[in-house]
PDB file of N, CA and C in Angstrom:
ATOM      1  N   MET A   1     127.475 167.643 167.192  1.00  0.00           N
ATOM      2  CA  MET A   1     127.551 166.203 167.210  1.00  0.00           C
ATOM      3  C   MET A   1     127.286 165.733 168.638  1.00  0.00           C
ATOM      4  N   LYS A   2     126.524 164.652 168.785  1.00  0.00           N
ATOM      5  CA  LYS A   2     126.150 164.114 170.090  1.00  0.00           C
ATOM      6  C   LYS A   2     126.848 162.777 170.339  1.00  0.00           C
ATOM      7  N   ILE A   3     126.974 162.421 171.613  1.00  0.00           N
ATOM      8  CA  ILE A   3     127.505 161.107 171.976  1.00  0.00           C
ATOM      9  C   ILE A   3     126.499 160.059 171.517  1.00  0.00           C
ATOM     10  N   PRO A   4     126.938 158.953 170.901  1.00  0.00           N
ATOM     11  CA  PRO A   4     125.998 157.906 170.496  1.00  0.00           C
ATOM     12  C   PRO A   4     125.185 157.400 171.693  1.00  0.00           C
ATOM     13  N   ARG A   5     123.898 157.218 171.508  1.00  0.00           N
ATOM     14  CA  ARG A   5     122.997 156.841 172.607  1.00  0.00           C
ATOM     15  C   ARG A   5     123.375 155.531 173.275  1.00  0.00           C
ATOM     16  N   ARG A   6     123.972 154.616 172.558  1.00  0.00           N
ATOM     17  CA  ARG A   6     124.344 153.340 173.176  1.00  0.00           C
ATOM     18  C   ARG A   6     125.423 153.525 174.241  1.00  0.00           C
ATOM     19  N   LEU A   7     126.114 154.665 174.215  1.00  0.00           N
ATOM     20  CA  LEU A   7     127.166 154.941 175.196  1.00  0.00           C
ATOM     21  C   LEU A   7     126.669 155.766 176.385  1.00  0.00           C
ATOM     22  N   VAL A   8     125.423 156.206 176.330  1.00  0.00           N
ATOM     23  CA  VAL A   8     124.874 157.040 177.403  1.00  0.00           C
ATOM     24  C   VAL A   8     123.515 156.488 177.851  1.00  0.00           C
ATOM     25  N   PRO A   9     123.530 155.363 178.580  1.00  0.00           N
ATOM     26  CA  PRO A   9     122.289 154.654 178.876  1.00  0.00           C
ATOM     27  C   PRO A   9     121.530 155.125 180.114  1.00  0.00           C
ATOM     28  N   HIS A  10     122.020 156.113 180.830  1.00  0.00           N
ATOM     29  CA  HIS A  10     121.413 156.489 182.100  1.00  0.00           C
ATOM     30  C   HIS A  10     120.553 157.741 181.992  1.00  0.00           C
ATOM     31  N   THR A  11     119.800 158.004 183.062  1.00  0.00           N
ATOM     32  CA  THR A  11     118.960 159.193 183.184  1.00  0.00           C
ATOM     33  C   THR A  11     119.267 159.847 184.520  1.00  0.00           C
ATOM     34  N   ILE A  12     119.253 161.179 184.561  1.00  0.00           N
ATOM     35  CA  ILE A  12     119.399 161.928 185.813  1.00  0.00           C
ATOM     36  C   ILE A  12     118.202 162.854 185.963  1.00  0.00           C
ATOM     37  N   VAL A  13     118.052 163.414 187.159  1.00  0.00           N
ATOM     38  CA  VAL A  13     117.061 164.460 187.389  1.00  0.00           C
ATOM     39  C   VAL A  13     117.832 165.711 187.778  1.00  0.00           C
ATOM     40  N   TRP A  14     117.569 166.810 187.088  1.00  0.00           N
ATOM     41  CA  TRP A  14     118.304 168.062 187.248  1.00  0.00           C
ATOM     42  C   TRP A  14     117.399 169.127 187.840  1.00  0.00           C
ATOM     43  N   GLU A  15     117.939 169.873 188.822  1.00  0.00           N
ATOM     44  CA  GLU A  15     117.245 171.014 189.403  1.00  0.00           C
ATOM     45  C   GLU A  15     118.163 172.226 189.284  1.00  0.00           C
ATOM     46  N   GLN A  16     117.773 173.174 188.458  1.00  0.00           N
ATOM     47  CA  GLN A  16     118.581 174.373 188.244  1.00  0.00           C
ATOM     48  C   GLN A  16     118.489 175.283 189.463  1.00  0.00           C
ATOM     49  N   LYS A  17     119.648 175.773 189.933  1.00  0.00           N
ATOM     50  CA  LYS A  17     119.666 176.702 191.056  1.00  0.00           C
ATOM     51  C   LYS A  17     119.223 178.069 190.562  1.00  0.00           C
ATOM     52  N   LEU A  18     118.288 178.661 191.287  1.00  0.00           N
ATOM     53  CA  LEU A  18     117.796 179.990 190.952  1.00  0.00           C
ATOM     54  C   LEU A  18     118.608 181.005 191.745  1.00  0.00           C
ATOM     55  N   THR A  19     119.002 182.090 191.103  1.00  0.00           N
ATOM     56  CA  THR A  19     119.889 183.067 191.742  1.00  0.00           C
ATOM     57  C   THR A  19     119.101 184.213 192.348  1.00  0.00           C
ATOM     58  N   ASP A  20     119.788 185.009 193.159  1.00  0.00           N
ATOM     59  CA  ASP A  20     119.175 186.189 193.766  1.00  0.00           C
ATOM     60  C   ASP A  20     118.684 187.176 192.715  1.00  0.00           C
ATOM     61  N   ASP A  21     119.331 187.165 191.543  1.00  0.00           N
ATOM     62  CA  ASP A  21     118.933 188.086 190.472  1.00  0.00           C
ATOM     63  C   ASP A  21     117.485 187.875 190.053  1.00  0.00           C
ATOM     64  N   GLN A  22     116.959 186.677 190.299  1.00  0.00           N
ATOM     65  CA  GLN A  22     115.578 186.374 189.931  1.00  0.00           C
ATOM     66  C   GLN A  22     114.628 186.542 191.115  1.00  0.00           C
ATOM     67  N   GLY A  23     115.150 187.088 192.223  1.00  0.00           N
ATOM     68  CA  GLY A  23     114.297 187.320 193.371  1.00  0.00           C
ATOM     69  C   GLY A  23     114.125 186.118 194.273  1.00  0.00           C
ATOM     70  N   TRP A  24     114.940 185.078 194.084  1.00  0.00           N
ATOM     71  CA  TRP A  24     114.823 183.861 194.883  1.00  0.00           C
ATOM     72  C   TRP A  24     115.953 183.806 195.895  1.00  0.00           C
ATOM     73  N   GLY A  25     115.768 183.033 196.933  1.00  0.00           N
ATOM     74  CA  GLY A  25     116.811 182.834 197.934  1.00  0.00           C
ATOM     75  C   GLY A  25     117.919 181.944 197.413  1.00  0.00           C
ATOM     76  N   ASP A  26     119.012 181.884 198.144  1.00  0.00           N
ATOM     77  CA  ASP A  26     120.185 181.121 197.712  1.00  0.00           C
ATOM     78  C   ASP A  26     119.910 179.641 197.520  1.00  0.00           C
ATOM     79  N   ASP A  27     118.967 179.083 198.261  1.00  0.00           N
ATOM     80  CA  ASP A  27     118.732 177.641 198.203  1.00  0.00           C
ATOM     81  C   ASP A  27     117.467 177.268 197.448  1.00  0.00           C
ATOM     82  N   GLU A  28     117.000 178.112 196.583  1.00  0.00           N
ATOM     83  CA  GLU A  28     115.804 177.814 195.798  1.00  0.00           C
ATOM     84  C   GLU A  28     116.203 177.187 194.471  1.00  0.00           C
ATOM     85  N   TYR A  29     115.455 176.164 194.061  1.00  0.00           N
ATOM     86  CA  TYR A  29     115.745 175.449 192.822  1.00  0.00           C
ATOM     87  C   TYR A  29     114.503 175.379 191.951  1.00  0.00           C
ATOM     88  N   ALA A  30     114.715 175.333 190.655  1.00  0.00           N
ATOM     89  CA  ALA A  30     113.615 175.171 189.697  1.00  0.00           C
ATOM     90  C   ALA A  30     113.037 173.767 189.840  1.00  0.00           C
ATOM     91  N   PRO A  31     111.839 173.541 189.333  1.00  0.00           N
ATOM     92  CA  PRO A  31     111.257 172.194 189.392  1.00  0.00           C
ATOM     93  C   PRO A  31     112.171 171.175 188.703  1.00  0.00           C
ATOM     94  N   PRO A  32     112.160 169.937 189.170  1.00  0.00           N
ATOM     95  CA  PRO A  32     113.029 168.901 188.599  1.00  0.00           C
ATOM     96  C   PRO A  32     112.701 168.602 187.139  1.00  0.00           C
ATOM     97  N   VAL A  33     113.766 168.346 186.371  1.00  0.00           N
ATOM     98  CA  VAL A  33     113.643 167.995 184.958  1.00  0.00           C
ATOM     99  C   VAL A  33     114.418 166.700 184.720  1.00  0.00           C
ATOM    100  N   GLU A  34     113.772 165.736 184.077  1.00  0.00           N
ATOM    101  CA  GLU A  34     114.449 164.483 183.745  1.00  0.00           C
ATOM    102  C   GLU A  34     115.338 164.694 182.520  1.00  0.00           C
ATOM    103  N   VAL A  35     116.601 164.261 182.621  1.00  0.00           N
ATOM    104  CA  VAL A  35     117.558 164.396 181.520  1.00  0.00           C
ATOM    105  C   VAL A  35     118.021 162.986 181.133  1.00  0.00           C
ATOM    106  N   PRO A  36     117.541 162.469 180.003  1.00  0.00           N
ATOM    107  CA  PRO A  36     117.968 161.135 179.563  1.00  0.00           C
ATOM    108  C   PRO A  36     119.276 161.194 178.780  1.00  0.00           C
ATOM    109  N   TRP A  37     119.774 160.024 178.467  1.00  0.00           N
ATOM    110  CA  TRP A  37     120.947 159.859 177.606  1.00  0.00           C
ATOM    111  C   TRP A  37     122.203 160.499 178.203  1.00  0.00           C
ATOM    112  N   VAL A  38     122.522 160.088 179.434  1.00  0.00           N
ATOM    113  CA  VAL A  38     123.761 160.500 180.088  1.00  0.00           C
ATOM    114  C   VAL A  38     124.513 159.240 180.524  1.00  0.00           C
ATOM    115  N   LEU A  39     125.765 159.406 180.885  1.00  0.00           N
ATOM    116  CA  LEU A  39     126.561 158.309 181.442  1.00  0.00           C
ATOM    117  C   LEU A  39     126.948 158.713 182.853  1.00  0.00           C
ATOM    118  N   THR A  40     126.574 157.904 183.837  1.00  0.00           N
ATOM    119  CA  THR A  40     126.895 158.171 185.232  1.00  0.00           C
ATOM    120  C   THR A  40     128.010 157.242 185.671  1.00  0.00           C
ATOM    121  N   VAL A  41     129.062 157.824 186.242  1.00  0.00           N
ATOM    122  CA  VAL A  41     130.177 157.055 186.801  1.00  0.00           C
ATOM    123  C   VAL A  41     130.203 157.386 188.289  1.00  0.00           C
ATOM    124  N   ASP A  42     129.880 156.399 189.111  1.00  0.00           N
ATOM    125  CA  ASP A  42     129.737 156.592 190.549  1.00  0.00           C
ATOM    126  C   ASP A  42     130.901 155.915 191.257  1.00  0.00           C
ATOM    127  N   ALA A  43     131.491 156.577 192.252  1.00  0.00           N
ATOM    128  CA  ALA A  43     132.639 156.015 192.961  1.00  0.00           C
ATOM    129  C   ALA A  43     132.450 156.177 194.462  1.00  0.00           C
ATOM    130  N   THR A  44     132.876 155.162 195.207  1.00  0.00           N
ATOM    131  CA  THR A  44     132.878 155.215 196.662  1.00  0.00           C
ATOM    132  C   THR A  44     134.252 154.779 197.121  1.00  0.00           C
ATOM    133  N   GLU A  45     134.826 155.525 198.059  1.00  0.00           N
ATOM    134  CA  GLU A  45     136.140 155.164 198.564  1.00  0.00           C
ATOM    135  C   GLU A  45     136.202 155.391 200.068  1.00  0.00           C
ATOM    136  N   GLU A  46     137.127 154.697 200.705  1.00  0.00           N
ATOM    137  CA  GLU A  46     137.356 154.875 202.131  1.00  0.00           C
ATOM    138  C   GLU A  46     138.402 155.950 202.346  1.00  0.00           C
ATOM    139  N   GLU A  47     138.122 156.840 203.284  1.00  0.00           N
ATOM    140  CA  GLU A  47     139.108 157.832 203.693  1.00  0.00           C
ATOM    141  C   GLU A  47     139.347 157.661 205.177  1.00  0.00           C
ATOM    142  N   GLN A  48     140.604 157.692 205.569  1.00  0.00           N
ATOM    143  CA  GLN A  48     140.940 157.541 206.973  1.00  0.00           C
ATOM    144  C   GLN A  48     141.574 158.829 207.486  1.00  0.00           C
ATOM    145  N   ALA A  49     141.093 159.266 208.637  1.00  0.00           N
ATOM    146  CA  ALA A  49     141.641 160.457 209.288  1.00  0.00           C
ATOM    147  C   ALA A  49     141.439 160.312 210.790  1.00  0.00           C
ATOM    148  N   ALA A  50     142.481 160.592 211.541  1.00  0.00           N
ATOM    149  CA  ALA A  50     142.431 160.551 213.010  1.00  0.00           C
ATOM    150  C   ALA A  50     141.884 159.216 213.514  1.00  0.00           C
ATOM    151  N   GLY A  51     142.268 158.138 212.858  1.00  0.00           N
ATOM    152  CA  GLY A  51     141.868 156.809 213.302  1.00  0.00           C
ATOM    153  C   GLY A  51     140.455 156.399 212.943  1.00  0.00           C
ATOM    154  N   ALA A  52     139.730 157.239 212.234  1.00  0.00           N
ATOM    155  CA  ALA A  52     138.361 156.914 211.828  1.00  0.00           C
ATOM    156  C   ALA A  52     138.310 156.673 210.326  1.00  0.00           C
ATOM    157  N   THR A  53     137.467 155.752 209.928  1.00  0.00           N
ATOM    158  CA  THR A  53     137.282 155.456 208.511  1.00  0.00           C
ATOM    159  C   THR A  53     135.920 155.984 208.071  1.00  0.00           C
ATOM    160  N   GLU A  54     135.918 156.663 206.949  1.00  0.00           N
ATOM    161  CA  GLU A  54     134.685 157.235 206.416  1.00  0.00           C
ATOM    162  C   GLU A  54     134.543 156.844 204.950  1.00  0.00           C
ATOM    163  N   LEU A  55     133.337 156.480 204.542  1.00  0.00           N
ATOM    164  CA  LEU A  55     133.062 156.219 203.133  1.00  0.00           C
ATOM    165  C   LEU A  55     132.669 157.527 202.459  1.00  0.00           C
ATOM    166  N   VAL A  56     133.351 157.850 201.368  1.00  0.00           N
ATOM    167  CA  VAL A  56     133.097 159.086 200.638  1.00  0.00           C
ATOM    168  C   VAL A  56     132.661 158.722 199.223  1.00  0.00           C
ATOM    169  N   SER A  57     131.557 159.302 198.804  1.00  0.00           N
ATOM    170  CA  SER A  57     131.040 159.044 197.464  1.00  0.00           C
ATOM    171  C   SER A  57     131.222 160.278 196.593  1.00  0.00           C
ATOM    172  N   SER A  58     131.504 160.038 195.341  1.00  0.00           N
ATOM    173  CA  SER A  58     131.549 161.105 194.346  1.00  0.00           C
ATOM    174  C   SER A  58     131.053 160.521 193.042  1.00  0.00           C
ATOM    175  N   ALA A  59     130.646 161.384 192.157  1.00  0.00           N
ATOM    176  CA  ALA A  59     130.138 160.907 190.868  1.00  0.00           C
ATOM    177  C   ALA A  59     130.480 161.908 189.785  1.00  0.00           C
ATOM    178  N   ARG A  60     130.586 161.378 188.571  1.00  0.00           N
ATOM    179  CA  ARG A  60     130.721 162.203 187.375  1.00  0.00           C
ATOM    180  C   ARG A  60     129.594 161.804 186.430  1.00  0.00           C
ATOM    181  N   VAL A  61     129.012 162.787 185.804  1.00  0.00           N
ATOM    182  CA  VAL A  61     127.944 162.542 184.837  1.00  0.00           C
ATOM    183  C   VAL A  61     128.363 163.168 183.520  1.00  0.00           C
ATOM    184  N   HIS A  62     128.394 162.374 182.458  1.00  0.00           N
ATOM    185  CA  HIS A  62     128.753 162.831 181.119  1.00  0.00           C
ATOM    186  C   HIS A  62     127.457 163.102 180.358  1.00  0.00           C
ATOM    187  N   THR A  63     127.303 164.339 179.876  1.00  0.00           N
ATOM    188  CA  THR A  63     126.100 164.715 179.134  1.00  0.00           C
ATOM    189  C   THR A  63     126.479 165.213 177.745  1.00  0.00           C
ATOM    190  N   ASN A  64     125.476 165.396 176.900  1.00  0.00           N
ATOM    191  CA  ASN A  64     125.677 165.952 175.563  1.00  0.00           C
ATOM    192  C   ASN A  64     125.696 167.480 175.574  1.00  0.00           C
ATOM    193  N   GLY A  65     125.705 168.084 176.758  1.00  0.00           N
ATOM    194  CA  GLY A  65     125.731 169.537 176.848  1.00  0.00           C
ATOM    195  C   GLY A  65     124.380 170.199 176.696  1.00  0.00           C
ATOM    196  N   ASP A  66     123.312 169.408 176.678  1.00  0.00           N
ATOM    197  CA  ASP A  66     121.971 169.950 176.532  1.00  0.00           C
ATOM    198  C   ASP A  66     121.047 169.194 177.471  1.00  0.00           C
ATOM    199  N   PRO A  67     120.495 169.841 178.490  1.00  0.00           N
ATOM    200  CA  PRO A  67     120.568 171.255 178.792  1.00  0.00           C
ATOM    201  C   PRO A  67     121.925 171.624 179.401  1.00  0.00           C
ATOM    202  N   ILE A  68     122.175 172.919 179.489  1.00  0.00           N
ATOM    203  CA  ILE A  68     123.405 173.398 180.108  1.00  0.00           C
ATOM    204  C   ILE A  68     123.209 173.359 181.622  1.00  0.00           C
ATOM    205  N   ILE A  69     123.956 172.489 182.276  1.00  0.00           N
ATOM    206  CA  ILE A  69     123.886 172.322 183.727  1.00  0.00           C
ATOM    207  C   ILE A  69     125.095 173.018 184.327  1.00  0.00           C
ATOM    208  N   SER A  70     124.867 173.808 185.366  1.00  0.00           N
ATOM    209  CA  SER A  70     125.912 174.685 185.905  1.00  0.00           C
ATOM    210  C   SER A  70     126.321 174.306 187.323  1.00  0.00           C
ATOM    211  N   VAL A  71     127.458 174.845 187.749  1.00  0.00           N
ATOM    212  CA  VAL A  71     127.919 174.683 189.125  1.00  0.00           C
ATOM    213  C   VAL A  71     126.841 175.231 190.063  1.00  0.00           C
ATOM    214  N   GLY A  72     126.544 174.491 191.130  1.00  0.00           N
ATOM    215  CA  GLY A  72     125.521 174.896 192.092  1.00  0.00           C
ATOM    216  C   GLY A  72     124.179 174.243 191.863  1.00  0.00           C
ATOM    217  N   ASP A  73     123.934 173.733 190.651  1.00  0.00           N
ATOM    218  CA  ASP A  73     122.690 173.017 190.381  1.00  0.00           C
ATOM    219  C   ASP A  73     122.703 171.691 191.129  1.00  0.00           C
ATOM    220  N   ARG A  74     121.530 171.087 191.307  1.00  0.00           N
ATOM    221  CA  ARG A  74     121.433 169.776 191.951  1.00  0.00           C
ATOM    222  C   ARG A  74     121.110 168.719 190.902  1.00  0.00           C
ATOM    223  N   VAL A  75     121.722 167.550 191.088  1.00  0.00           N
ATOM    224  CA  VAL A  75     121.501 166.430 190.175  1.00  0.00           C
ATOM    225  C   VAL A  75     121.216 165.180 191.007  1.00  0.00           C
ATOM    226  N   THR A  76     120.166 164.468 190.641  1.00  0.00           N
ATOM    227  CA  THR A  76     119.858 163.183 191.269  1.00  0.00           C
ATOM    228  C   THR A  76     120.312 162.091 190.323  1.00  0.00           C
ATOM    229  N   ILE A  77     121.217 161.233 190.818  1.00  0.00           N
ATOM    230  CA  ILE A  77     121.677 160.097 190.013  1.00  0.00           C
ATOM    231  C   ILE A  77     120.935 158.855 190.457  1.00  0.00           C
ATOM    232  N   TRP A  78     120.835 157.914 189.564  1.00  0.00           N
ATOM    233  CA  TRP A  78     120.140 156.641 189.782  1.00  0.00           C
ATOM    234  C   TRP A  78     118.698 156.860 190.265  1.00  0.00           C
ATOM    235  N   PRO A  79     117.911 157.768 189.636  1.00  0.00           N
ATOM    236  CA  PRO A  79     116.552 158.010 190.128  1.00  0.00           C
ATOM    237  C   PRO A  79     115.710 156.737 190.102  1.00  0.00           C
ATOM    238  N   GLY A  80     114.999 156.515 191.223  1.00  0.00           N
ATOM    239  CA  GLY A  80     114.132 155.346 191.339  1.00  0.00           C
ATOM    240  C   GLY A  80     114.860 154.059 191.676  1.00  0.00           C
ATOM    241  N   GLN A  81     116.175 154.115 191.847  1.00  0.00           N
ATOM    242  CA  GLN A  81     116.977 152.933 192.150  1.00  0.00           C
ATOM    243  C   GLN A  81     117.390 152.958 193.626  1.00  0.00           C
ATOM    244  N   PRO A  82     117.814 151.819 194.185  1.00  0.00           N
ATOM    245  CA  PRO A  82     118.256 151.805 195.589  1.00  0.00           C
ATOM    246  C   PRO A  82     119.430 152.754 195.871  1.00  0.00           C
ATOM    247  N   ARG A  83     120.274 153.007 194.859  1.00  0.00           N
ATOM    248  CA  ARG A  83     121.441 153.894 195.042  1.00  0.00           C
ATOM    249  C   ARG A  83     121.125 155.368 194.795  1.00  0.00           C
ATOM    250  N   GLU A  84     119.855 155.704 194.605  1.00  0.00           N
ATOM    251  CA  GLU A  84     119.483 157.091 194.288  1.00  0.00           C
ATOM    252  C   GLU A  84     120.023 158.052 195.343  1.00  0.00           C
ATOM    253  N   ARG A  85     120.600 159.159 194.866  1.00  0.00           N
ATOM    254  CA  ARG A  85     121.007 160.236 195.766  1.00  0.00           C
ATOM    255  C   ARG A  85     121.100 161.543 194.980  1.00  0.00           C
ATOM    256  N   THR A  86     120.949 162.638 195.702  1.00  0.00           N
ATOM    257  CA  THR A  86     121.004 163.971 195.097  1.00  0.00           C
ATOM    258  C   THR A  86     122.286 164.645 195.537  1.00  0.00           C
ATOM    259  N   GLU A  87     123.011 165.178 194.571  1.00  0.00           N
ATOM    260  CA  GLU A  87     124.306 165.821 194.816  1.00  0.00           C
ATOM    261  C   GLU A  87     124.314 167.207 194.177  1.00  0.00           C
ATOM    262  N   THR A  88     125.253 168.029 194.599  1.00  0.00           N
ATOM    263  CA  THR A  88     125.439 169.363 194.038  1.00  0.00           C
ATOM    264  C   THR A  88     126.557 169.324 193.003  1.00  0.00           C
ATOM    265  N   VAL A  89     126.370 170.036 191.902  1.00  0.00           N
ATOM    266  CA  VAL A  89     127.400 170.129 190.872  1.00  0.00           C
ATOM    267  C   VAL A  89     128.504 171.049 191.391  1.00  0.00           C
ATOM    268  N   GLU A  90     129.719 170.500 191.529  1.00  0.00           N
ATOM    269  CA  GLU A  90     130.851 171.252 192.048  1.00  0.00           C
ATOM    270  C   GLU A  90     131.742 171.815 190.938  1.00  0.00           C
ATOM    271  N   LYS A  91     131.730 171.157 189.775  1.00  0.00           N
ATOM    272  CA  LYS A  91     132.608 171.553 188.669  1.00  0.00           C
ATOM    273  C   LYS A  91     132.001 171.024 187.377  1.00  0.00           C
ATOM    274  N   VAL A  92     132.200 171.747 186.281  1.00  0.00           N
ATOM    275  CA  VAL A  92     131.751 171.305 184.964  1.00  0.00           C
ATOM    276  C   VAL A  92     132.917 171.424 183.993  1.00  0.00           C
ATOM    277  N   ASP A  93     133.284 170.315 183.342  1.00  0.00           N
ATOM    278  CA  ASP A  93     134.271 170.324 182.264  1.00  0.00           C
ATOM    279  C   ASP A  93     133.506 170.289 180.945  1.00  0.00           C
ATOM    280  N   HIS A  94     133.866 171.162 180.011  1.00  0.00           N
ATOM    281  CA  HIS A  94     133.190 171.226 178.714  1.00  0.00           C
ATOM    282  C   HIS A  94     134.190 170.890 177.617  1.00  0.00           C
ATOM    283  N   TYR A  95     133.844 169.915 176.783  1.00  0.00           N
ATOM    284  CA  TYR A  95     134.707 169.501 175.669  1.00  0.00           C
ATOM    285  C   TYR A  95     133.939 169.692 174.373  1.00  0.00           C
ATOM    286  N   GLU A  96     134.587 170.350 173.411  1.00  0.00           N
ATOM    287  CA  GLU A  96     133.942 170.597 172.122  1.00  0.00           C
ATOM    288  C   GLU A  96     134.998 170.600 171.026  1.00  0.00           C
ATOM    289  N   HIS A  97     134.702 169.893 169.947  1.00  0.00           N
ATOM    290  CA  HIS A  97     135.598 169.835 168.798  1.00  0.00           C
ATOM    291  C   HIS A  97     134.740 169.551 167.574  1.00  0.00           C
ATOM    292  N   PRO A  98     135.044 170.139 166.418  1.00  0.00           N
ATOM    293  CA  PRO A  98     134.203 169.946 165.232  1.00  0.00           C
ATOM    294  C   PRO A  98     134.026 168.485 164.813  1.00  0.00           C
ATOM    295  N   ARG A  99     135.018 167.619 165.069  1.00  0.00           N
ATOM    296  CA  ARG A  99     134.922 166.228 164.631  1.00  0.00           C
ATOM    297  C   ARG A  99     134.597 165.250 165.759  1.00  0.00           C
ATOM    298  N   SER A 100     134.266 165.775 166.933  1.00  0.00           N
ATOM    299  CA  SER A 100     133.959 164.920 168.078  1.00  0.00           C
ATOM    300  C   SER A 100     132.659 165.365 168.732  1.00  0.00           C
ATOM    301  N   PRO A 101     132.022 164.460 169.479  1.00  0.00           N
ATOM    302  CA  PRO A 101     130.801 164.865 170.188  1.00  0.00           C
ATOM    303  C   PRO A 101     131.110 165.913 171.262  1.00  0.00           C
ATOM    304  N   THR A 102     130.152 166.820 171.461  1.00  0.00           N
ATOM    305  CA  THR A 102     130.249 167.762 172.567  1.00  0.00           C
ATOM    306  C   THR A 102     129.923 167.020 173.847  1.00  0.00           C
ATOM    307  N   VAL A 103     130.739 167.232 174.877  1.00  0.00           N
ATOM    308  CA  VAL A 103     130.544 166.536 176.146  1.00  0.00           C
ATOM    309  C   VAL A 103     130.726 167.529 177.283  1.00  0.00           C
ATOM    310  N   ASP A 104     129.783 167.509 178.228  1.00  0.00           N
ATOM    311  CA  ASP A 104     129.936 168.194 179.505  1.00  0.00           C
ATOM    312  C   ASP A 104     130.091 167.113 180.561  1.00  0.00           C
ATOM    313  N   VAL A 105     131.110 167.249 181.410  1.00  0.00           N
ATOM    314  CA  VAL A 105     131.305 166.307 182.515  1.00  0.00           C
ATOM    315  C   VAL A 105     130.995 167.056 183.803  1.00  0.00           C
ATOM    316  N   LEU A 106     129.956 166.573 184.511  1.00  0.00           N
ATOM    317  CA  LEU A 106     129.547 167.183 185.765  1.00  0.00           C
ATOM    318  C   LEU A 106     130.224 166.445 186.901  1.00  0.00           C
ATOM    319  N   HIS A 107     130.901 167.171 187.769  1.00  0.00           N
ATOM    320  CA  HIS A 107     131.537 166.578 188.947  1.00  0.00           C
ATOM    321  C   HIS A 107     130.618 166.852 190.131  1.00  0.00           C
ATOM    322  N   LEU A 108     130.144 165.800 190.767  1.00  0.00           N
ATOM    323  CA  LEU A 108     129.182 165.931 191.862  1.00  0.00           C
ATOM    324  C   LEU A 108     129.821 165.581 193.187  1.00  0.00           C
ATOM    325  N   SER A 109     129.360 166.247 194.237  1.00  0.00           N
ATOM    326  CA  SER A 109     129.785 165.860 195.582  1.00  0.00           C
ATOM    327  C   SER A 109     128.749 166.277 196.595  1.00  0.00           C
TER     328      SER A 109
END
């Protein structure tokens, strides 16, 4: 079961990290692939330390679990928009139940 499309109006660009097992270096990525029908939740907050203020951004992307995006892969949110940025997948939460849509939540930083 998939998330209804009206609830996932965004698109991301995904770059799968290639591992040493395939003969590639640690920072090599597969060609970019556009992944439609996702929900992007973007957050910016102020953090203060040692008298300095810093803006920190993080994002979560909710997908239907297809394709399978893994920790270490790169994801570009808001492609073609002024807020476009590329982040690394730090964590993936996977939710699956027979009566509910399958959802992967990508945590980016």
